[in-house]
Amino acid sequence: MKYLIKNGTIVNEGKIEQKDILIDGNFISRIDRDISDVNATVVDASDKHVIPGIIDDQVHFREPGLTHKATIYTEAKAAVAGGVTSFMEMPNTKPAALTQDLLEDKYRIAATTSLANYSFYMGTSNENLEEVLKTNPSAVCGIKIFMGASTGNMLVDNEKVLRNVFSRSPMLIATHCEDEKTIRENVTLYKERYGEYVPLSCHPEIRSAESCYLSSSFAVDLAKEYNTRLHILHISTEKEVGLFDSSKPLKDKRITSEVCVHHLYFQQEDYAHLGALIKCNPAIKYKTDKDALLKGLLDDRLDVIATDHAPHTLDEKQQSYFQAPAGLPLVQHAINIMLDFYHHKKITLERIVEKMSHAPAVCFNVQQRGFLREGYFADIAVVDLHEVWKVEESNILYKCSWSPLEEREFRGKVKQTFVSGHLAYNNGHFDESQKGQRLLFERNQTPYLDRA
């Protein structure tokens, strides 16, 4: 199938320019002015902006085992409607992806159900080091270590295990960093003060900035000691931003970082009206943290924007502080949050595309995606920057059917999304006749002992 995106304004690799894009099969075959092809179906992008598909490097789609909350099928559709063409999903499902067979089970589900391109992290526990080291760097996005705040047996708090993984893994390690000892001590203090009914506004005090920094700084120290390829997920505090630098281009960094849209958008005062709907780990913290995160994003100390999309049912979220699970659904609306920053002149379109499309591709060495280039996969979103709309239950596509953004009005809407050359989403309608593809990665698989 051929498509010709005509008359659009392309945002790509630091430039904004009017060009057409010819798609032939899975790939972009030509980018130029005034392309014509009588065999191509024309998509008129007049007065719209054309961007590379977003790559979300951190989502929880809950399958297998937690499918009352979400499935790969439902959440991938929501992602595509939000211009997200590729996702990387976390291992803390039921069962957790702690063996190579269980990891491949998830790939088999995605191959038949996911409208978006996909990859899945290999999970780490205190007991599965040999399974972790079997992970194929060219076919799996990364190894995930929960250095705090996990479910089941996925908390890795054994320093010997951590040192083994950091020293022996030939591929990217992604970490969730919160210090469990600090959090447990804070929980004890707040239970003494409030009993079981701790106010939600205390969440950033219990899962404190100090707990984040202690764990993140330890991960950075380990990575420096062993020259590990480390990617720290969902940085949430001003203090943590200081762990990273911008002295090297992203492609040369061994230690990289991610910031999530909810940590950029919400702040402590929002617990008063949203309560557990914005309870997540690490916690949404204070305005000073939020402002520092945006600054760190713009000066390249923070590298990637993601969602940490983590849906729960509304009934689950409407419980008291200790019972309400952590996580919120965001993958459909991440681009809208960032466009809100753009319309308020806090970030440019070029930087949004850099941090949501280019940077994840570079950070994870994703093969032939993340950029609008001839010969690359045609992962593309067409966006109307000016259409005003409101997030409502009727247009929320998550299986959980709610969003912390409900009743908020946004300016900017995804109109079309191409996934590997397939027009998967077109003005509110889905074409599910083709599924997304498994992401592949261009990586040096040299083991630790041979690393410089």
Protein backbone atom coordinates (compact mmCIF):
# COMPACT_ATOMS: atom_id res chain seq x y z
CA MET A 1 0.00 0.00 0.00
CA LYS A 2 1.21 3.48 -0.86
CA TYR A 3 0.25 6.67 0.96
CA LEU A 4 1.22 10.23 0.16
CA ILE A 5 1.04 12.74 3.00
CA LYS A 6 0.62 16.04 1.20
CA ASN A 7 0.95 19.69 2.27
CA GLY A 8 2.01 18.97 5.85
CA THR A 9 4.47 20.87 8.01
CA ILE A 10 7.13 18.38 9.06
CA VAL A 11 8.75 18.65 12.51
CA ASN A 12 11.88 16.52 12.45
CA GLU A 13 15.53 16.64 13.54
CA GLY A 14 15.38 20.22 14.76
CA LYS A 15 13.68 21.63 11.66
CA ILE A 16 10.16 22.69 10.72
CA GLU A 17 9.51 22.70 6.99
CA GLN A 18 6.80 22.02 4.44
CA LYS A 19 7.39 18.73 2.66
CA ASP A 20 5.44 15.73 1.44
CA ILE A 21 6.09 12.15 2.57
CA LEU A 22 5.63 9.12 0.32
CA ILE A 23 5.04 5.82 2.12
CA ASP A 24 5.57 2.57 0.23
CA GLY A 25 4.71 -0.53 2.22
CA ASN A 26 6.28 -0.37 5.67
CA PHE A 27 8.75 2.39 4.85
CA ILE A 28 9.19 6.05 3.98
CA SER A 29 10.38 6.01 0.38
CA ARG A 30 10.67 9.74 -0.25
CA ILE A 31 10.54 13.08 1.58
CA ASP A 32 10.49 16.12 -0.67
CA ARG A 33 8.49 19.06 -1.90
CA ASP A 34 5.60 18.57 -4.32
CA ILE A 35 5.69 14.79 -4.61
CA SER A 36 3.12 13.21 -6.90
CA ASP A 37 2.28 9.53 -7.26
CA VAL A 38 -0.94 8.45 -8.95
CA ASN A 39 -0.78 5.05 -7.24
CA ALA A 40 -0.72 6.48 -3.72
CA THR A 41 -3.67 7.25 -1.46
CA VAL A 42 -3.40 10.93 -0.55
CA VAL A 43 -3.68 12.07 3.06
CA ASP A 44 -4.13 15.84 3.05
CA ALA A 45 -2.16 17.34 5.93
CA SER A 46 -2.85 20.98 5.06
CA ASP A 47 -2.61 23.21 8.15
CA LYS A 48 -1.34 20.23 10.16
CA HIS A 49 2.02 19.15 11.53
CA VAL A 50 3.63 15.81 10.74
CA ILE A 51 5.87 14.24 13.36
CA PRO A 52 7.69 10.93 13.81
CA GLY A 53 5.64 8.49 15.85
CA ILE A 54 6.16 8.76 19.60
CA ILE A 55 8.16 5.99 21.29
CA ASP A 56 7.00 5.49 24.89
CA ASP A 57 9.77 3.69 26.76
CA GLN A 58 7.72 2.91 29.87
CA VAL A 59 4.19 1.53 30.00
CA HIS A 60 2.28 -1.07 32.00
CA PHE A 61 -0.34 -2.77 29.81
CA ARG A 62 -1.17 -5.35 32.53
CA GLU A 63 -1.26 -8.49 30.39
CA PRO A 64 -1.03 -11.29 31.36
CA GLY A 65 -2.83 -11.68 34.66
CA LEU A 66 -4.20 -8.21 35.34
CA THR A 67 -6.50 -7.88 32.36
CA HIS A 68 -9.40 -6.46 34.38
CA LYS A 69 -7.32 -3.26 34.39
CA ALA A 70 -6.01 -3.27 30.81
CA THR A 71 -4.84 -5.46 27.95
CA ILE A 72 -2.18 -5.07 25.32
CA TYR A 73 -5.00 -4.76 22.77
CA THR A 74 -6.89 -1.95 24.50
CA GLU A 75 -3.92 0.11 25.61
CA ALA A 76 -2.08 -0.18 22.29
CA LYS A 77 -5.18 1.26 20.57
CA ALA A 78 -5.25 4.12 23.05
CA ALA A 79 -1.54 4.69 22.41
CA VAL A 80 -2.00 4.86 18.64
CA ALA A 81 -4.84 7.38 19.04
CA GLY A 82 -2.34 9.53 20.93
CA GLY A 83 0.34 9.33 18.24
CA VAL A 84 2.36 6.69 20.11
CA THR A 85 3.51 4.18 17.49
CA SER A 86 5.87 2.11 19.67
CA PHE A 87 5.87 1.12 23.34
CA MET A 88 8.17 -0.67 25.77
CA GLU A 89 6.24 -2.54 28.44
CA MET A 90 7.22 -3.43 31.98
CA PRO A 91 7.67 -6.96 33.40
CA ASN A 92 5.55 -6.73 36.59
CA THR A 93 2.55 -8.63 35.24
CA LYS A 94 1.15 -11.90 36.63
CA PRO A 95 3.18 -13.96 36.17
CA ALA A 96 6.08 -11.53 36.04
CA ALA A 97 8.41 -11.77 33.05
CA LEU A 98 11.27 -13.33 35.00
CA THR A 99 12.14 -16.13 32.56
CA GLN A 100 12.85 -16.04 28.86
CA ASP A 101 9.78 -18.20 28.19
CA LEU A 102 7.47 -15.88 30.11
CA LEU A 103 8.99 -12.89 28.32
CA GLU A 104 8.34 -14.48 24.93
CA ASP A 105 4.74 -15.23 25.96
CA LYS A 106 4.16 -11.47 26.05
CA TYR A 107 5.65 -11.04 22.59
CA ARG A 108 3.29 -13.72 21.29
CA ILE A 109 0.28 -11.88 22.72
CA ALA A 110 1.40 -8.59 21.19
CA ALA A 111 2.03 -10.12 17.77
CA THR A 112 -1.66 -10.97 17.45
CA THR A 113 -3.28 -8.07 19.35
CA SER A 114 -1.13 -4.91 19.39
CA LEU A 115 -1.93 -2.15 16.93
CA ALA A 116 1.33 -0.41 17.92
CA ASN A 117 4.92 -1.62 17.62
CA TYR A 118 6.11 -3.26 20.82
CA SER A 119 8.93 -4.41 23.04
CA PHE A 120 8.97 -5.88 26.54
CA TYR A 121 11.53 -5.57 29.32
CA MET A 122 13.08 -8.62 30.92
CA GLY A 123 12.42 -8.54 34.66
CA THR A 124 14.98 -8.98 37.43
CA SER A 125 14.56 -10.53 40.87
CA ASN A 126 16.98 -11.52 43.60
CA GLU A 127 17.00 -15.08 42.21
CA ASN A 128 17.00 -15.00 38.37
CA LEU A 129 20.40 -13.64 37.34
CA GLU A 130 21.17 -16.44 34.85
CA GLU A 131 17.83 -15.94 33.09
CA VAL A 132 18.47 -12.20 32.90
CA LEU A 133 21.85 -12.74 31.27
CA LYS A 134 20.25 -14.82 28.49
CA THR A 135 18.35 -11.77 27.23
CA ASN A 136 18.96 -10.94 23.57
CA PRO A 137 20.09 -7.28 23.26
CA SER A 138 19.01 -7.05 19.63
CA ALA A 139 15.45 -8.23 20.26
CA VAL A 140 14.57 -6.89 23.76
CA CYS A 141 14.47 -3.22 24.80
CA GLY A 142 16.17 -3.66 28.16
CA ILE A 143 16.50 -5.27 31.55
CA LYS A 144 14.28 -3.78 34.24
CA ILE A 145 15.34 -3.58 37.87
CA PHE A 146 12.93 -2.39 40.55
CA MET A 147 15.33 -0.96 43.13
CA GLY A 148 12.24 0.03 45.10
CA ALA A 149 8.45 0.01 44.99
CA SER A 150 7.49 -3.16 43.24
CA THR A 151 4.92 -5.90 43.56
CA GLY A 152 5.46 -9.59 44.19
CA ASN A 153 9.07 -10.76 44.13
CA MET A 154 10.47 -8.12 41.79
CA LEU A 155 12.11 -5.85 44.36
CA VAL A 156 15.86 -6.28 43.98
CA ASP A 157 17.38 -5.22 47.30
CA ASN A 158 20.33 -7.62 47.37
CA GLU A 159 23.45 -5.57 46.65
CA LYS A 160 25.36 -8.62 45.46
CA VAL A 161 22.68 -9.29 42.84
CA LEU A 162 22.69 -5.65 41.77
CA ARG A 163 26.45 -5.67 41.34
CA ASN A 164 26.27 -8.88 39.33
CA VAL A 165 23.66 -7.47 36.95
CA PHE A 166 25.38 -4.10 36.61
CA SER A 167 28.75 -5.71 35.98
CA ARG A 168 27.68 -8.53 33.66
CA SER A 169 24.80 -7.19 31.57
CA PRO A 170 25.81 -6.31 28.00
CA MET A 171 22.62 -4.31 27.42
CA LEU A 172 20.66 -1.37 28.76
CA ILE A 173 19.45 -1.61 32.36
CA ALA A 174 16.39 0.49 33.25
CA THR A 175 15.78 1.16 36.94
CA HIS A 176 12.98 2.26 39.21
CA CYS A 177 14.81 4.04 42.02
CA GLU A 178 13.32 4.58 45.48
CA ASP A 179 14.96 3.57 48.76
CA GLU A 180 12.70 1.07 50.50
CA LYS A 181 14.20 1.55 53.97
CA THR A 182 13.47 5.29 53.88
CA ILE A 183 9.92 4.69 52.67
CA ARG A 184 9.21 2.09 55.35
CA GLU A 185 10.43 4.46 58.05
CA ASN A 186 8.21 7.23 56.66
CA VAL A 187 5.20 4.90 56.55
CA THR A 188 5.69 4.08 60.23
CA LEU A 189 5.85 7.77 61.15
CA TYR A 190 2.72 8.68 59.20
CA LYS A 191 0.75 5.71 60.52
CA GLU A 192 1.59 6.84 64.04
CA ARG A 193 0.27 10.30 63.15
CA TYR A 194 -2.83 9.40 61.10
CA GLY A 195 -3.52 5.69 61.52
CA GLU A 196 -4.67 3.91 58.35
CA TYR A 197 -6.23 7.05 56.84
CA VAL A 198 -3.23 9.06 55.79
CA PRO A 199 -4.17 12.06 53.60
CA LEU A 200 -3.20 11.58 49.94
CA SER A 201 -1.36 14.90 50.11
CA CYS A 202 1.26 13.15 52.28
CA HIS A 203 2.28 10.82 49.47
CA PRO A 204 5.27 12.96 48.35
CA GLU A 205 6.44 13.09 51.96
CA ILE A 206 6.23 9.33 52.45
CA ARG A 207 7.79 8.50 49.09
CA SER A 208 10.13 11.38 49.61
CA ALA A 209 12.72 13.17 47.52
CA GLU A 210 15.38 11.70 49.79
CA SER A 211 14.20 8.14 49.09
CA CYS A 212 14.46 8.82 45.36
CA TYR A 213 17.88 10.43 45.55
CA LEU A 214 19.42 7.73 47.75
CA SER A 215 18.44 5.03 45.27
CA SER A 216 19.15 6.98 42.07
CA SER A 217 22.58 8.08 43.26
CA PHE A 218 23.42 4.49 44.21
CA ALA A 219 22.42 3.31 40.72
CA VAL A 220 24.56 6.03 39.14
CA ASP A 221 27.53 5.05 41.33
CA LEU A 222 27.18 1.40 40.31
CA ALA A 223 26.93 2.32 36.64
CA LYS A 224 30.06 4.45 36.84
CA GLU A 225 31.93 1.70 38.66
CA TYR A 226 31.08 -0.95 36.05
CA ASN A 227 30.61 1.25 32.96
CA THR A 228 27.02 -0.02 32.74
CA ARG A 229 24.52 1.29 30.21
CA LEU A 230 22.04 2.69 32.74
CA HIS A 231 18.70 4.40 32.09
CA ILE A 232 16.93 5.73 35.19
CA LEU A 233 13.17 5.93 34.78
CA HIS A 234 10.70 8.58 35.96
CA ILE A 235 12.97 11.14 37.63
CA SER A 236 10.69 13.11 39.94
CA THR A 237 12.82 15.46 42.07
CA GLU A 238 14.93 18.57 41.70
CA LYS A 239 17.77 16.92 43.60
CA GLU A 240 17.95 13.96 41.21
CA VAL A 241 18.30 16.21 38.17
CA GLY A 242 21.75 17.10 39.49
CA LEU A 243 22.89 13.50 38.99
CA PHE A 244 22.90 13.93 35.22
CA ASP A 245 24.85 16.11 32.83
CA SER A 246 24.57 17.38 29.28
CA SER A 247 28.25 17.51 28.40
CA LYS A 248 27.95 14.65 25.90
CA PRO A 249 25.51 14.08 23.06
CA LEU A 250 22.86 11.50 23.89
CA LYS A 251 24.39 8.86 21.62
CA ASP A 252 27.59 8.93 23.70
CA LYS A 253 26.02 8.84 27.16
CA ARG A 254 26.34 5.71 29.29
CA ILE A 255 23.91 7.05 31.92
CA THR A 256 20.60 8.49 30.73
CA SER A 257 17.34 9.55 32.30
CA GLU A 258 13.62 9.75 31.70
CA VAL A 259 10.96 12.17 32.92
CA CYS A 260 7.24 11.39 32.77
CA VAL A 261 4.48 13.72 31.68
CA HIS A 262 2.61 13.55 35.00
CA HIS A 263 5.68 14.68 36.96
CA LEU A 264 5.95 17.64 34.58
CA TYR A 265 2.24 18.48 34.70
CA PHE A 266 0.89 17.86 38.21
CA GLN A 267 2.13 19.01 41.62
CA GLN A 268 1.44 18.43 45.32
CA GLU A 269 -1.52 20.82 45.43
CA ASP A 270 -3.38 18.65 42.91
CA TYR A 271 -3.90 15.86 45.47
CA ALA A 272 -6.57 18.06 47.07
CA HIS A 273 -8.98 17.52 44.16
CA LEU A 274 -7.58 14.44 42.41
CA GLY A 275 -6.54 12.36 45.40
CA ALA A 276 -5.52 8.80 44.57
CA LEU A 277 -6.19 9.37 40.88
CA ILE A 278 -2.68 10.83 40.72
CA LYS A 279 -1.11 8.53 43.29
CA CYS A 280 1.93 6.98 41.61
CA ASN A 281 5.40 5.76 42.47
CA PRO A 282 7.60 7.73 42.56
CA ALA A 283 5.20 10.33 43.84
CA ILE A 284 4.19 13.53 42.11
CA LYS A 285 5.96 16.08 44.27
CA TYR A 286 6.21 19.87 44.55
CA LYS A 287 6.13 22.82 42.17
CA THR A 288 9.86 23.35 42.71
CA ASP A 289 10.47 19.78 41.58
CA LYS A 290 8.14 20.15 38.60
CA ASP A 291 9.86 23.33 37.48
CA ALA A 292 13.31 21.75 37.89
CA LEU A 293 12.26 18.74 35.81
CA LEU A 294 11.21 20.95 32.91
CA LYS A 295 14.45 22.90 33.17
CA GLY A 296 16.45 19.66 33.22
CA LEU A 297 14.56 18.45 30.18
CA LEU A 298 15.32 21.61 28.24
CA ASP A 299 19.02 21.68 29.14
CA ASP A 300 19.44 17.97 28.25
CA ARG A 301 20.22 16.62 31.68
CA LEU A 302 16.95 14.69 31.31
CA ASP A 303 16.81 12.84 28.02
CA VAL A 304 13.47 11.16 27.31
CA ILE A 305 9.79 11.95 27.90
CA ALA A 306 7.56 8.94 28.71
CA THR A 307 4.26 8.17 30.43
CA ASP A 308 4.68 5.24 32.85
CA HIS A 309 1.10 4.50 31.78
CA ALA A 310 -0.24 2.34 34.63
CA PRO A 311 -4.02 1.86 34.67
CA HIS A 312 -6.16 0.60 37.54
CA THR A 313 -9.93 0.41 37.80
CA LEU A 314 -11.71 3.42 39.20
CA ASP A 315 -13.00 1.33 42.12
CA GLU A 316 -9.43 0.40 43.03
CA LYS A 317 -8.31 4.03 42.89
CA GLN A 318 -11.18 5.24 45.07
CA GLN A 319 -9.88 3.47 48.17
CA SER A 320 -7.98 5.00 51.08
CA TYR A 321 -4.30 5.91 50.91
CA PHE A 322 -2.72 2.53 51.71
CA GLN A 323 -5.28 0.52 49.73
CA ALA A 324 -5.36 2.60 46.53
CA PRO A 325 -2.79 1.26 44.04
CA ALA A 326 -0.18 3.53 42.49
CA GLY A 327 -0.31 4.45 38.81
CA LEU A 328 -2.37 6.44 36.34
CA PRO A 329 -3.34 6.04 32.67
CA LEU A 330 -1.65 8.52 30.32
CA VAL A 331 -0.50 6.99 27.02
CA GLN A 332 -3.39 8.40 24.95
CA HIS A 333 -2.86 11.94 26.24
CA ALA A 334 0.90 12.44 26.61
CA ILE A 335 1.14 14.48 23.41
CA ASN A 336 -1.69 16.73 24.63
CA ILE A 337 0.13 17.48 27.87
CA MET A 338 3.27 18.40 25.98
CA LEU A 339 1.34 20.50 23.45
CA ASP A 340 -0.17 22.36 26.39
CA PHE A 341 3.39 23.29 27.40
CA TYR A 342 4.05 24.30 23.79
CA HIS A 343 1.00 26.57 23.62
CA HIS A 344 2.15 28.20 26.87
CA LYS A 345 5.56 28.78 25.24
CA LYS A 346 7.42 26.54 27.68
CA ILE A 347 8.84 24.19 25.04
CA THR A 348 9.16 24.16 21.26
CA LEU A 349 7.70 21.62 18.86
CA GLU A 350 11.21 20.63 17.83
CA ARG A 351 12.09 19.78 21.44
CA ILE A 352 8.87 17.81 21.99
CA VAL A 353 9.68 15.67 18.96
CA GLU A 354 13.28 15.31 20.06
CA LYS A 355 12.38 14.09 23.54
CA MET A 356 9.39 11.89 22.62
CA SER A 357 10.54 10.39 19.30
CA HIS A 358 14.21 10.93 18.50
CA ALA A 359 15.68 10.53 21.99
CA PRO A 360 14.00 7.19 22.85
CA ALA A 361 15.18 5.81 19.50
CA VAL A 362 18.76 6.93 20.15
CA CYS A 363 18.72 5.97 23.83
CA PHE A 364 17.58 2.40 23.10
CA ASN A 365 19.28 2.07 19.70
CA VAL A 366 15.92 1.33 18.08
CA GLN A 367 16.38 0.09 14.52
CA GLN A 368 15.09 2.47 11.81
CA ARG A 369 12.47 4.29 13.89
CA GLY A 370 12.05 7.57 15.72
CA PHE A 371 12.90 9.84 12.78
CA LEU A 372 11.31 10.88 9.50
CA ARG A 373 13.98 9.58 7.12
CA GLU A 374 13.89 7.88 3.77
CA GLY A 375 14.35 4.13 4.31
CA TYR A 376 13.02 4.28 7.89
CA PHE A 377 9.79 2.66 9.01
CA ALA A 378 6.81 4.92 8.38
CA ASP A 379 5.85 5.56 12.02
CA ILE A 380 4.13 8.93 11.68
CA ALA A 381 1.54 11.08 13.46
CA VAL A 382 -0.37 13.92 11.82
CA VAL A 383 -1.39 16.52 14.39
CA ASP A 384 -3.77 19.47 14.26
CA LEU A 385 -2.18 21.93 16.67
CA HIS A 386 -5.26 24.12 16.86
CA GLU A 387 -8.24 21.82 17.35
CA VAL A 388 -9.71 22.38 20.81
CA TRP A 389 -11.26 19.40 22.57
CA LYS A 390 -12.06 18.12 26.03
CA VAL A 391 -11.05 14.84 27.65
CA GLU A 392 -14.28 13.06 28.52
CA GLU A 393 -15.29 9.53 29.41
CA SER A 394 -16.79 9.10 25.93
CA ASN A 395 -13.43 9.65 24.19
CA ILE A 396 -11.15 7.85 26.67
CA LEU A 397 -9.91 4.61 25.11
CA TYR A 398 -8.22 3.00 28.13
CA LYS A 399 -9.94 -0.16 29.37
CA CYS A 400 -10.24 1.44 32.81
CA SER A 401 -12.32 4.23 31.17
CA TRP A 402 -11.05 7.11 33.28
CA SER A 403 -8.31 9.73 33.21
CA PRO A 404 -6.98 12.26 35.74
CA LEU A 405 -7.31 14.74 32.86
CA GLU A 406 -11.10 14.40 32.54
CA GLU A 407 -12.94 17.66 31.84
CA ARG A 408 -9.67 19.38 30.93
CA GLU A 409 -9.64 21.18 27.62
CA PHE A 410 -6.65 20.79 25.33
CA ARG A 411 -5.58 22.49 22.13
CA GLY A 412 -4.09 20.04 19.67
CA LYS A 413 -5.28 16.62 18.50
CA VAL A 414 -3.81 13.64 16.66
CA LYS A 415 -5.69 13.14 13.39
CA GLN A 416 -3.84 10.24 11.74
CA THR A 417 -1.30 7.69 12.95
CA PHE A 418 0.72 5.43 10.69
CA VAL A 419 2.34 2.36 12.27
CA SER A 420 5.01 0.76 10.09
CA GLY A 421 3.32 2.26 7.03
CA HIS A 422 -0.18 1.14 8.01
CA LEU A 423 -2.81 3.86 8.51
CA ALA A 424 -3.90 2.49 11.87
CA TYR A 425 -5.83 5.55 13.08
CA ASN A 426 -7.70 8.05 10.95
CA ASN A 427 -9.89 10.78 12.46
CA GLY A 428 -11.30 8.64 15.25
CA HIS A 429 -11.46 5.39 13.28
CA PHE A 430 -9.13 2.40 13.59
CA ASP A 431 -8.01 -0.03 10.92
CA GLU A 432 -6.98 -3.19 12.77
CA SER A 433 -6.27 -5.25 9.65
CA GLN A 434 -2.53 -5.07 10.37
CA LYS A 435 -0.75 -5.28 13.70
CA GLY A 436 2.37 -3.53 14.93
CA GLN A 437 5.83 -5.02 14.69
CA ARG A 438 8.37 -6.18 17.23
CA LEU A 439 11.02 -3.53 17.77
CA LEU A 440 14.60 -4.48 16.98
CA PHE A 441 17.75 -2.85 18.35
CA GLU A 442 21.16 -2.09 16.86
CA ARG A 443 23.51 -2.86 19.72
CA ASN A 444 27.02 -3.96 20.43
CA GLN A 445 26.58 -7.17 22.42
CA THR A 446 30.09 -7.11 23.91
CA PRO A 447 30.06 -8.53 27.46
CA TYR A 448 31.26 -6.52 30.42
CA LEU A 449 34.79 -7.91 30.63
CA ASP A 450 35.58 -6.60 27.17
CA ARG A 451 34.04 -3.19 27.69
CA ALA A 452 36.29 -0.16 27.85
